[in-house]
């Protein structure tokens, strides 16, 4: 299994969206998974499915405290 480098993802910019990450960089974003994958394959046609990390960014930052 490959390790992915995760960039810092802005919740203000990408909140509530799907984000595609390839080689530690955000290459596509959108509200629909299919659209995001199509944008990624259009920008990086040689990227394989193993190279693409799809992340759902939450709409807001939630903090969970353990008592």
Protein backbone atom coordinates (compact mmCIF):
# COMPACT_ATOMS: atom_id res chain seq x y z
CA UNK A 1 0.00 0.00 0.00
CA UNK A 2 1.32 3.42 -0.96
CA UNK A 3 1.62 6.25 1.51
CA UNK A 4 -0.01 9.48 0.43
CA UNK A 5 1.34 12.91 1.22
CA UNK A 6 -1.56 15.00 2.48
CA UNK A 7 -1.58 18.74 1.86
CA UNK A 8 -3.27 21.19 4.20
CA UNK A 9 -6.86 21.40 2.98
CA UNK A 10 -8.69 24.70 3.54
CA UNK A 11 -12.16 24.09 4.98
CA UNK A 12 -13.24 27.57 3.85
CA UNK A 13 -12.37 26.79 0.23
CA UNK A 14 -13.17 23.07 -0.01
CA UNK A 15 -15.74 22.57 2.78
CA UNK A 16 -18.52 20.15 1.74
CA UNK A 17 -16.68 19.08 -1.41
CA UNK A 18 -14.82 16.04 -2.69
CA UNK A 19 -11.10 16.64 -3.29
CA UNK A 20 -8.72 14.57 -5.45
CA UNK A 21 -5.09 14.48 -4.31
CA UNK A 22 -2.23 13.20 -6.49
CA UNK A 23 1.39 13.23 -5.28
CA UNK A 24 0.55 15.52 -2.37
CA UNK A 25 -1.24 18.18 -4.46
CA UNK A 26 -4.94 18.95 -4.84
CA UNK A 27 -5.70 18.47 -8.52
CA UNK A 28 -9.52 18.62 -8.63
CA UNK A 29 -12.51 19.42 -6.44
CA UNK A 30 -16.28 19.39 -6.72
CA UNK A 31 -19.53 18.28 -5.12
CA UNK A 32 -19.83 15.03 -7.12
CA UNK A 33 -17.35 12.15 -6.97
CA UNK A 34 -17.81 11.31 -10.66
CA UNK A 35 -17.07 14.89 -11.72
CA UNK A 36 -13.96 15.07 -9.54
CA UNK A 37 -12.59 11.82 -10.97
CA UNK A 38 -13.32 12.98 -14.55
CA UNK A 39 -11.50 16.28 -13.90
CA UNK A 40 -8.53 14.38 -12.46
CA UNK A 41 -8.27 11.99 -15.41
CA UNK A 42 -8.57 14.96 -17.81
CA UNK A 43 -5.72 16.87 -16.09
CA UNK A 44 -3.54 13.82 -15.43
CA UNK A 45 -4.38 11.15 -18.04
CA UNK A 46 -1.43 8.95 -17.03
CA UNK A 47 -2.37 8.84 -13.33
CA UNK A 48 -3.58 5.42 -12.25
CA UNK A 49 -6.42 4.80 -9.80
CA UNK A 50 -3.83 3.87 -7.17
CA UNK A 51 -2.26 7.35 -7.45
CA UNK A 52 -5.52 9.23 -6.77
CA UNK A 53 -6.68 9.83 -3.21
CA UNK A 54 -10.28 11.01 -2.95
CA UNK A 55 -11.15 12.89 0.25
CA UNK A 56 -14.51 14.21 1.46
CA UNK A 57 -13.90 17.52 3.24
CA UNK A 58 -16.36 18.30 6.07
CA UNK A 59 -18.39 21.51 5.92
CA UNK A 60 -17.14 22.69 9.28
CA UNK A 61 -14.53 21.90 11.83
CA UNK A 62 -15.85 19.70 14.61
CA UNK A 63 -13.87 19.06 17.76
CA UNK A 64 -14.55 15.92 19.78
CA UNK A 65 -13.48 15.84 23.41
CA UNK A 66 -12.97 12.61 25.28
CA UNK A 67 -13.88 12.67 28.96
